[in-house]
PDB file of N, CA and C in Angstrom:
ATOM      1  N   UNK A   1     125.597 173.924  53.473  1.00  0.00           N
ATOM      2  CA  UNK A   1     125.531 174.855  52.836  1.00  0.00           C
ATOM      3  C   UNK A   1     124.213 175.903  52.068  1.00  0.00           C
ATOM      4  N   UNK A   2     123.098 175.059  52.225  1.00  0.00           N
ATOM      5  CA  UNK A   2     122.048 175.787  52.107  1.00  0.00           C
ATOM      6  C   UNK A   2     121.414 176.460  52.950  1.00  0.00           C
ATOM      7  N   UNK A   3     121.860 176.856  54.348  1.00  0.00           N
ATOM      8  CA  UNK A   3     121.915 177.930  54.951  1.00  0.00           C
ATOM      9  C   UNK A   3     122.319 179.118  54.780  1.00  0.00           C
ATOM     10  N   UNK A   4     123.961 179.268  54.127  1.00  0.00           N
ATOM     11  CA  UNK A   4     124.008 180.272  53.823  1.00  0.00           C
ATOM     12  C   UNK A   4     124.009 181.143  52.429  1.00  0.00           C
ATOM     13  N   UNK A   5     123.970 180.046  51.387  1.00  0.00           N
ATOM     14  CA  UNK A   5     124.176 180.494  49.972  1.00  0.00           C
ATOM     15  C   UNK A   5     122.584 180.605  49.340  1.00  0.00           C
ATOM     16  N   UNK A   6     121.333 180.387  49.954  1.00  0.00           N
ATOM     17  CA  UNK A   6     120.152 180.359  49.448  1.00  0.00           C
ATOM     18  C   UNK A   6     119.781 182.086  49.736  1.00  0.00           C
ATOM     19  N   UNK A   7     119.674 182.788  48.914  1.00  0.00           N
ATOM     20  CA  UNK A   7     118.813 184.279  49.037  1.00  0.00           C
ATOM     21  C   UNK A   7     117.819 184.441  48.088  1.00  0.00           C
ATOM     22  N   UNK A   8     117.632 183.242  47.219  1.00  0.00           N
ATOM     23  CA  UNK A   8     116.107 183.529  46.600  1.00  0.00           C
ATOM     24  C   UNK A   8     114.925 183.806  47.485  1.00  0.00           C
ATOM     25  N   UNK A   9     114.686 183.499  48.309  1.00  0.00           N
ATOM     26  CA  UNK A   9     113.582 184.114  49.072  1.00  0.00           C
ATOM     27  C   UNK A   9     113.964 185.172  49.606  1.00  0.00           C
ATOM     28  N   UNK A  10     114.886 185.864  49.650  1.00  0.00           N
ATOM     29  CA  UNK A  10     115.125 187.888  49.715  1.00  0.00           C
ATOM     30  C   UNK A  10     114.492 188.692  48.447  1.00  0.00           C
ATOM     31  N   UNK A  11     115.549 188.043  47.326  1.00  0.00           N
ATOM     32  CA  UNK A  11     115.201 188.450  46.288  1.00  0.00           C
ATOM     33  C   UNK A  11     113.794 188.318  45.805  1.00  0.00           C
ATOM     34  N   UNK A  12     113.180 187.640  45.854  1.00  0.00           N
ATOM     35  CA  UNK A  12     111.202 187.096  45.757  1.00  0.00           C
ATOM     36  C   UNK A  12     110.697 188.193  46.625  1.00  0.00           C
ATOM     37  N   UNK A  13     111.080 188.293  47.624  1.00  0.00           N
ATOM     38  CA  UNK A  13     110.521 189.077  48.706  1.00  0.00           C
ATOM     39  C   UNK A  13     110.606 191.023  47.984  1.00  0.00           C
ATOM     40  N   UNK A  14     111.671 190.808  47.969  1.00  0.00           N
ATOM     41  CA  UNK A  14     111.944 192.429  47.655  1.00  0.00           C
ATOM     42  C   UNK A  14     111.392 192.795  46.270  1.00  0.00           C
ATOM     43  N   UNK A  15     111.379 191.699  45.457  1.00  0.00           N
ATOM     44  CA  UNK A  15     110.456 192.204  43.905  1.00  0.00           C
ATOM     45  C   UNK A  15     109.536 192.094  44.414  1.00  0.00           C
ATOM     46  N   UNK A  16     108.388 191.007  44.957  1.00  0.00           N
ATOM     47  CA  UNK A  16     107.009 191.644  45.779  1.00  0.00           C
ATOM     48  C   UNK A  16     106.650 192.699  46.344  1.00  0.00           C
ATOM     49  N   UNK A  17     107.871 193.346  47.108  1.00  0.00           N
ATOM     50  CA  UNK A  17     107.754 194.553  47.481  1.00  0.00           C
ATOM     51  C   UNK A  17     107.509 195.614  46.387  1.00  0.00           C
ATOM     52  N   UNK A  18     108.683 195.527  45.782  1.00  0.00           N
ATOM     53  CA  UNK A  18     108.306 196.377  44.733  1.00  0.00           C
ATOM     54  C   UNK A  18     107.419 196.612  43.763  1.00  0.00           C
ATOM     55  N   UNK A  19     106.762 195.504  43.559  1.00  0.00           N
ATOM     56  CA  UNK A  19     105.120 195.098  42.538  1.00  0.00           C
ATOM     57  C   UNK A  19     103.918 195.787  43.591  1.00  0.00           C
ATOM     58  N   UNK A  20     104.031 195.414  44.410  1.00  0.00           N
ATOM     59  CA  UNK A  20     103.575 195.914  45.845  1.00  0.00           C
ATOM     60  C   UNK A  20     103.345 197.683  45.713  1.00  0.00           C
ATOM     61  N   UNK A  21     104.565 197.994  45.808  1.00  0.00           N
ATOM     62  CA  UNK A  21     104.711 199.239  45.755  1.00  0.00           C
ATOM     63  C   UNK A  21     104.034 200.177  44.504  1.00  0.00           C
ATOM     64  N   UNK A  22     104.321 199.466  43.215  1.00  0.00           N
ATOM     65  CA  UNK A  22     104.114 200.151  41.993  1.00  0.00           C
ATOM     66  C   UNK A  22     102.094 200.446  42.356  1.00  0.00           C
ATOM     67  N   UNK A  23     101.428 198.919  42.526  1.00  0.00           N
ATOM     68  CA  UNK A  23     100.512 199.287  42.956  1.00  0.00           C
ATOM     69  C   UNK A  23      99.636 200.135  43.842  1.00  0.00           C
ATOM     70  N   UNK A  24     100.052 200.078  44.981  1.00  0.00           N
ATOM     71  CA  UNK A  24      99.802 201.383  45.884  1.00  0.00           C
ATOM     72  C   UNK A  24     100.535 202.888  45.348  1.00  0.00           C
ATOM     73  N   UNK A  25     101.197 203.170  44.491  1.00  0.00           N
ATOM     74  CA  UNK A  25     101.613 204.087  44.120  1.00  0.00           C
ATOM     75  C   UNK A  25     100.652 204.557  42.833  1.00  0.00           C
ATOM     76  N   UNK A  26      99.975 203.361  42.305  1.00  0.00           N
ATOM     77  CA  UNK A  26      98.978 203.873  41.339  1.00  0.00           C
ATOM     78  C   UNK A  26      97.741 203.960  41.990  1.00  0.00           C
ATOM     79  N   UNK A  27      97.242 203.144  42.836  1.00  0.00           N
ATOM     80  CA  UNK A  27      96.123 203.515  43.974  1.00  0.00           C
ATOM     81  C   UNK A  27      96.237 204.578  44.210  1.00  0.00           C
ATOM     82  N   UNK A  28      97.463 205.235  44.790  1.00  0.00           N
ATOM     83  CA  UNK A  28      97.631 206.718  45.654  1.00  0.00           C
ATOM     84  C   UNK A  28      97.119 207.936  44.716  1.00  0.00           C
ATOM     85  N   UNK A  29      97.624 207.372  43.420  1.00  0.00           N
ATOM     86  CA  UNK A  29      97.803 208.554  42.368  1.00  0.00           C
ATOM     87  C   UNK A  29      96.236 208.844  41.746  1.00  0.00           C
ATOM     88  N   UNK A  30      95.502 207.829  41.910  1.00  0.00           N
ATOM     89  CA  UNK A  30      94.376 207.827  40.893  1.00  0.00           C
ATOM     90  C   UNK A  30      93.650 208.399  42.390  1.00  0.00           C
ATOM     91  N   UNK A  31      93.440 208.127  43.637  1.00  0.00           N
ATOM     92  CA  UNK A  31      92.904 209.086  44.336  1.00  0.00           C
ATOM     93  C   UNK A  31      93.230 210.826  44.448  1.00  0.00           C
ATOM     94  N   UNK A  32      94.594 210.541  43.960  1.00  0.00           N
ATOM     95  CA  UNK A  32      94.779 212.304  44.383  1.00  0.00           C
ATOM     96  C   UNK A  32      93.987 212.622  43.082  1.00  0.00           C
ATOM     97  N   UNK A  33      93.925 212.061  42.181  1.00  0.00           N
ATOM     98  CA  UNK A  33      93.129 212.580  40.471  1.00  0.00           C
ATOM     99  C   UNK A  33      91.756 212.868  40.749  1.00  0.00           C
ATOM    100  N   UNK A  34      91.460 212.053  41.538  1.00  0.00           N
ATOM    101  CA  UNK A  34      89.893 211.454  41.393  1.00  0.00           C
ATOM    102  C   UNK A  34      89.072 212.778  42.570  1.00  0.00           C
ATOM    103  N   UNK A  35      90.029 213.237  43.717  1.00  0.00           N
ATOM    104  CA  UNK A  35      89.741 214.150  44.912  1.00  0.00           C
ATOM    105  C   UNK A  35      90.030 215.374  44.151  1.00  0.00           C
ATOM    106  N   UNK A  36      90.512 215.789  42.964  1.00  0.00           N
ATOM    107  CA  UNK A  36      90.433 217.120  42.707  1.00  0.00           C
ATOM    108  C   UNK A  36      89.231 217.861  42.185  1.00  0.00           C
ATOM    109  N   UNK A  37      89.119 219.068  42.371  1.00  0.00           N
ATOM    110  CA  UNK A  37      87.679 219.817  42.125  1.00  0.00           C
ATOM    111  C   UNK A  37      87.723 219.564  40.340  1.00  0.00           C
ATOM    112  N   UNK A  38      88.631 219.424  39.594  1.00  0.00           N
ATOM    113  CA  UNK A  38      88.112 218.874  38.288  1.00  0.00           C
ATOM    114  C   UNK A  38      87.135 217.376  38.105  1.00  0.00           C
ATOM    115  N   UNK A  39      87.494 216.398  38.674  1.00  0.00           N
ATOM    116  CA  UNK A  39      86.856 215.389  38.647  1.00  0.00           C
ATOM    117  C   UNK A  39      85.635 215.301  40.007  1.00  0.00           C
ATOM    118  N   UNK A  40      86.362 215.423  41.054  1.00  0.00           N
ATOM    119  CA  UNK A  40      85.413 215.547  42.366  1.00  0.00           C
ATOM    120  C   UNK A  40      84.321 214.215  42.807  1.00  0.00           C
ATOM    121  N   UNK A  41      85.265 212.756  41.863  1.00  0.00           N
ATOM    122  CA  UNK A  41      84.752 211.716  42.506  1.00  0.00           C
ATOM    123  C   UNK A  41      85.019 211.545  43.767  1.00  0.00           C
ATOM    124  N   UNK A  42      85.928 211.721  44.476  1.00  0.00           N
ATOM    125  CA  UNK A  42      85.892 211.234  45.841  1.00  0.00           C
ATOM    126  C   UNK A  42      86.346 212.934  46.524  1.00  0.00           C
ATOM    127  N   UNK A  43      85.889 212.443  47.887  1.00  0.00           N
ATOM    128  CA  UNK A  43      86.168 213.500  49.112  1.00  0.00           C
ATOM    129  C   UNK A  43      87.105 213.041  49.942  1.00  0.00           C
ATOM    130  N   UNK A  44      88.119 214.012  50.125  1.00  0.00           N
ATOM    131  CA  UNK A  44      89.365 213.330  51.511  1.00  0.00           C
ATOM    132  C   UNK A  44      88.833 213.886  52.721  1.00  0.00           C
ATOM    133  N   UNK A  45      89.138 212.807  53.795  1.00  0.00           N
ATOM    134  CA  UNK A  45      88.536 213.530  54.725  1.00  0.00           C
ATOM    135  C   UNK A  45      89.787 214.683  55.452  1.00  0.00           C
ATOM    136  N   UNK A  46      89.129 215.722  55.898  1.00  0.00           N
ATOM    137  CA  UNK A  46      90.393 216.599  56.812  1.00  0.00           C
ATOM    138  C   UNK A  46      91.470 215.948  57.420  1.00  0.00           C
ATOM    139  N   UNK A  47      90.777 214.737  57.896  1.00  0.00           N
ATOM    140  CA  UNK A  47      91.749 214.054  58.561  1.00  0.00           C
ATOM    141  C   UNK A  47      93.432 213.807  57.734  1.00  0.00           C
ATOM    142  N   UNK A  48      93.008 213.049  56.821  1.00  0.00           N
ATOM    143  CA  UNK A  48      94.357 212.724  55.879  1.00  0.00           C
ATOM    144  C   UNK A  48      94.334 213.990  54.505  1.00  0.00           C
ATOM    145  N   UNK A  49      94.178 215.019  55.182  1.00  0.00           N
ATOM    146  CA  UNK A  49      94.675 216.118  54.135  1.00  0.00           C
ATOM    147  C   UNK A  49      94.823 217.387  55.070  1.00  0.00           C
ATOM    148  N   UNK A  50      95.913 218.390  54.327  1.00  0.00           N
ATOM    149  CA  UNK A  50      95.921 219.540  54.731  1.00  0.00           C
ATOM    150  C   UNK A  50      95.499 220.860  54.342  1.00  0.00           C
ATOM    151  N   UNK A  51      95.543 221.804  54.718  1.00  0.00           N
ATOM    152  CA  UNK A  51      95.271 222.784  53.762  1.00  0.00           C
ATOM    153  C   UNK A  51      96.264 224.202  53.078  1.00  0.00           C
ATOM    154  N   UNK A  52      96.296 224.452  52.233  1.00  0.00           N
ATOM    155  CA  UNK A  52      97.387 225.402  51.762  1.00  0.00           C
ATOM    156  C   UNK A  52      97.103 226.733  52.216  1.00  0.00           C
ATOM    157  N   UNK A  53      98.525 226.857  52.457  1.00  0.00           N
ATOM    158  CA  UNK A  53      98.670 228.276  53.593  1.00  0.00           C
ATOM    159  C   UNK A  53      98.507 229.431  52.124  1.00  0.00           C
ATOM    160  N   UNK A  54      98.294 229.301  50.740  1.00  0.00           N
ATOM    161  CA  UNK A  54      98.510 230.134  49.946  1.00  0.00           C
ATOM    162  C   UNK A  54      96.597 230.204  49.676  1.00  0.00           C
ATOM    163  N   UNK A  55      96.149 229.225  49.032  1.00  0.00           N
ATOM    164  CA  UNK A  55      94.558 228.894  49.416  1.00  0.00           C
ATOM    165  C   UNK A  55      93.990 228.150  50.253  1.00  0.00           C
ATOM    166  N   UNK A  56      93.808 228.543  50.991  1.00  0.00           N
ATOM    167  CA  UNK A  56      93.006 228.116  52.031  1.00  0.00           C
ATOM    168  C   UNK A  56      91.638 226.588  51.858  1.00  0.00           C
ATOM    169  N   UNK A  57      91.235 227.200  50.556  1.00  0.00           N
ATOM    170  CA  UNK A  57      90.236 226.341  50.031  1.00  0.00           C
ATOM    171  C   UNK A  57      90.739 225.050  49.842  1.00  0.00           C
ATOM    172  N   UNK A  58      91.780 224.835  49.197  1.00  0.00           N
ATOM    173  CA  UNK A  58      92.374 223.945  48.551  1.00  0.00           C
ATOM    174  C   UNK A  58      92.600 222.913  49.969  1.00  0.00           C
ATOM    175  N   UNK A  59      92.722 221.709  49.892  1.00  0.00           N
ATOM    176  CA  UNK A  59      93.187 220.508  50.429  1.00  0.00           C
ATOM    177  C   UNK A  59      94.007 219.646  49.605  1.00  0.00           C
ATOM    178  N   UNK A  60      95.176 219.290  50.180  1.00  0.00           N
ATOM    179  CA  UNK A  60      96.603 218.631  49.642  1.00  0.00           C
ATOM    180  C   UNK A  60      96.468 217.199  50.292  1.00  0.00           C
ATOM    181  N   UNK A  61      96.224 216.444  49.863  1.00  0.00           N
ATOM    182  CA  UNK A  61      96.158 215.058  49.778  1.00  0.00           C
ATOM    183  C   UNK A  61      97.563 214.732  50.195  1.00  0.00           C
ATOM    184  N   UNK A  62      98.267 215.175  51.699  1.00  0.00           N
ATOM    185  CA  UNK A  62      99.544 214.709  52.334  1.00  0.00           C
ATOM    186  C   UNK A  62      99.702 213.578  52.529  1.00  0.00           C
ATOM    187  N   UNK A  63      98.811 212.489  52.776  1.00  0.00           N
ATOM    188  CA  UNK A  63      99.052 211.441  53.561  1.00  0.00           C
ATOM    189  C   UNK A  63      99.460 210.294  52.039  1.00  0.00           C
ATOM    190  N   UNK A  64      98.731 210.642  50.875  1.00  0.00           N
ATOM    191  CA  UNK A  64      98.631 209.978  49.360  1.00  0.00           C
ATOM    192  C   UNK A  64      99.764 210.461  49.155  1.00  0.00           C
ATOM    193  N   UNK A  65     100.328 211.670  49.043  1.00  0.00           N
ATOM    194  CA  UNK A  65     101.651 212.342  48.613  1.00  0.00           C
ATOM    195  C   UNK A  65     102.584 211.624  49.138  1.00  0.00           C
ATOM    196  N   UNK A  66     102.718 211.322  50.370  1.00  0.00           N
ATOM    197  CA  UNK A  66     103.572 210.542  51.158  1.00  0.00           C
ATOM    198  C   UNK A  66     103.781 209.177  50.861  1.00  0.00           C
ATOM    199  N   UNK A  67     102.482 208.634  50.648  1.00  0.00           N
ATOM    200  CA  UNK A  67     102.857 206.928  50.623  1.00  0.00           C
ATOM    201  C   UNK A  67     103.482 206.951  49.181  1.00  0.00           C
ATOM    202  N   UNK A  68     103.168 207.731  48.069  1.00  0.00           N
ATOM    203  CA  UNK A  68     103.402 207.813  46.835  1.00  0.00           C
ATOM    204  C   UNK A  68     104.984 207.702  46.445  1.00  0.00           C
ATOM    205  N   UNK A  69     105.605 208.671  47.696  1.00  0.00           N
ATOM    206  CA  UNK A  69     107.018 208.841  47.886  1.00  0.00           C
ATOM    207  C   UNK A  69     107.815 207.663  48.140  1.00  0.00           C
ATOM    208  N   UNK A  70     107.230 207.041  49.495  1.00  0.00           N
ATOM    209  CA  UNK A  70     107.986 206.104  49.832  1.00  0.00           C
ATOM    210  C   UNK A  70     108.119 204.881  48.937  1.00  0.00           C
ATOM    211  N   UNK A  71     106.514 204.407  48.088  1.00  0.00           N
ATOM    212  CA  UNK A  71     106.898 203.466  46.990  1.00  0.00           C
ATOM    213  C   UNK A  71     107.716 203.367  46.102  1.00  0.00           C
ATOM    214  N   UNK A  72     107.824 204.946  45.435  1.00  0.00           N
ATOM    215  CA  UNK A  72     108.875 205.326  44.523  1.00  0.00           C
ATOM    216  C   UNK A  72     110.279 204.966  45.210  1.00  0.00           C
ATOM    217  N   UNK A  73     110.515 205.515  46.324  1.00  0.00           N
ATOM    218  CA  UNK A  73     111.773 204.728  46.635  1.00  0.00           C
ATOM    219  C   UNK A  73     111.942 203.376  47.020  1.00  0.00           C
ATOM    220  N   UNK A  74     110.862 202.598  47.597  1.00  0.00           N
ATOM    221  CA  UNK A  74     111.141 201.281  47.536  1.00  0.00           C
ATOM    222  C   UNK A  74     111.535 200.660  46.178  1.00  0.00           C
ATOM    223  N   UNK A  75     110.784 200.948  45.246  1.00  0.00           N
ATOM    224  CA  UNK A  75     110.955 200.809  43.696  1.00  0.00           C
ATOM    225  C   UNK A  75     112.279 201.339  43.046  1.00  0.00           C
ATOM    226  N   UNK A  76     112.702 202.266  43.619  1.00  0.00           N
ATOM    227  CA  UNK A  76     114.109 202.692  43.022  1.00  0.00           C
ATOM    228  C   UNK A  76     115.022 202.041  43.443  1.00  0.00           C
ATOM    229  N   UNK A  77     114.901 201.529  44.982  1.00  0.00           N
ATOM    230  CA  UNK A  77     116.021 200.508  45.396  1.00  0.00           C
ATOM    231  C   UNK A  77     115.985 199.258  45.103  1.00  0.00           C
ATOM    232  N   UNK A  78     114.873 198.606  44.337  1.00  0.00           N
ATOM    233  CA  UNK A  78     114.924 197.194  44.256  1.00  0.00           C
ATOM    234  C   UNK A  78     114.201 197.060  43.028  1.00  0.00           C
ATOM    235  N   UNK A  79     114.169 198.459  42.016  1.00  0.00           N
ATOM    236  CA  UNK A  79     113.806 197.844  41.148  1.00  0.00           C
ATOM    237  C   UNK A  79     114.260 197.473  39.856  1.00  0.00           C
ATOM    238  N   UNK A  80     113.860 196.958  39.013  1.00  0.00           N
ATOM    239  CA  UNK A  80     114.545 196.175  37.973  1.00  0.00           C
ATOM    240  C   UNK A  80     115.777 196.322  37.400  1.00  0.00           C
ATOM    241  N   UNK A  81     115.589 197.594  36.955  1.00  0.00           N
ATOM    242  CA  UNK A  81     116.873 198.271  36.429  1.00  0.00           C
ATOM    243  C   UNK A  81     118.099 197.752  37.411  1.00  0.00           C
ATOM    244  N   UNK A  82     118.108 198.350  38.081  1.00  0.00           N
ATOM    245  CA  UNK A  82     119.296 198.114  39.137  1.00  0.00           C
ATOM    246  C   UNK A  82     119.336 197.330  40.344  1.00  0.00           C
ATOM    247  N   UNK A  83     118.374 196.482  40.258  1.00  0.00           N
ATOM    248  CA  UNK A  83     118.412 195.130  41.609  1.00  0.00           C
ATOM    249  C   UNK A  83     119.545 194.633  41.806  1.00  0.00           C
ATOM    250  N   UNK A  84     120.610 194.100  40.846  1.00  0.00           N
ATOM    251  CA  UNK A  84     121.730 193.623  41.423  1.00  0.00           C
ATOM    252  C   UNK A  84     122.543 194.432  42.296  1.00  0.00           C
ATOM    253  N   UNK A  85     122.655 195.878  41.864  1.00  0.00           N
ATOM    254  CA  UNK A  85     123.598 196.601  42.526  1.00  0.00           C
ATOM    255  C   UNK A  85     123.125 196.742  43.709  1.00  0.00           C
ATOM    256  N   UNK A  86     121.364 196.868  43.753  1.00  0.00           N
ATOM    257  CA  UNK A  86     120.763 197.355  45.278  1.00  0.00           C
ATOM    258  C   UNK A  86     120.897 195.914  46.272  1.00  0.00           C
ATOM    259  N   UNK A  87     120.595 194.817  45.597  1.00  0.00           N
ATOM    260  CA  UNK A  87     120.301 193.422  46.132  1.00  0.00           C
ATOM    261  C   UNK A  87     121.984 193.659  47.121  1.00  0.00           C
ATOM    262  N   UNK A  88     122.761 194.035  46.543  1.00  0.00           N
ATOM    263  CA  UNK A  88     124.495 193.818  47.400  1.00  0.00           C
ATOM    264  C   UNK A  88     124.104 194.865  48.833  1.00  0.00           C
ATOM    265  N   UNK A  89     123.558 195.934  48.475  1.00  0.00           N
ATOM    266  CA  UNK A  89     123.347 196.869  49.720  1.00  0.00           C
ATOM    267  C   UNK A  89     122.502 195.873  50.628  1.00  0.00           C
ATOM    268  N   UNK A  90     121.231 195.637  50.403  1.00  0.00           N
ATOM    269  CA  UNK A  90     120.590 195.135  51.182  1.00  0.00           C
ATOM    270  C   UNK A  90     121.141 193.449  51.905  1.00  0.00           C
ATOM    271  N   UNK A  91     122.050 193.180  51.115  1.00  0.00           N
ATOM    272  CA  UNK A  91     122.232 191.657  51.626  1.00  0.00           C
ATOM    273  C   UNK A  91     124.004 191.677  51.807  1.00  0.00           C
ATOM    274  N   UNK A  92     124.849 192.999  52.839  1.00  0.00           N
ATOM    275  CA  UNK A  92     126.282 193.110  52.648  1.00  0.00           C
ATOM    276  C   UNK A  92     127.094 192.223  53.262  1.00  0.00           C
ATOM    277  N   UNK A  93     126.368 191.431  54.492  1.00  0.00           N
ATOM    278  CA  UNK A  93     127.295 190.508  55.294  1.00  0.00           C
ATOM    279  C   UNK A  93     126.453 189.216  55.265  1.00  0.00           C
ATOM    280  N   UNK A  94     125.877 188.680  54.162  1.00  0.00           N
ATOM    281  CA  UNK A  94     125.333 187.309  53.915  1.00  0.00           C
ATOM    282  C   UNK A  94     126.852 186.554  53.175  1.00  0.00           C
ATOM    283  N   UNK A  95     126.867 185.233  53.952  1.00  0.00           N
ATOM    284  CA  UNK A  95     128.209 184.805  53.341  1.00  0.00           C
ATOM    285  C   UNK A  95     127.584 184.377  52.012  1.00  0.00           C
ATOM    286  N   UNK A  96     128.455 183.802  51.126  1.00  0.00           N
ATOM    287  CA  UNK A  96     128.590 183.052  49.828  1.00  0.00           C
ATOM    288  C   UNK A  96     129.320 182.027  49.772  1.00  0.00           C
ATOM    289  N   UNK A  97     128.635 180.923  49.672  1.00  0.00           N
ATOM    290  CA  UNK A  97     130.073 179.592  49.364  1.00  0.00           C
ATOM    291  C   UNK A  97     129.937 179.098  48.082  1.00  0.00           C
TER     292      UNK A  97
END
């Protein structure tokens, strides 16, 4: 019975991943804001940013924006408001006794 009925470790891992994604998203947002010309605290390397086609002097932090998007997707899939519905999506074939 323990082999098929205990799913707590999966739920705890998904909630941990959701919490980590919130922190990563906040860190990425802070780096994006601090790298703007208004703040200027952080300078992003050209390897992690791209130039804008309209304004060539502007550097877009694409890697940080992609990180924020992926974190939002994780939080949306496992978030506290809809975790029961999405846990069923993550665990569709786990038998329950």
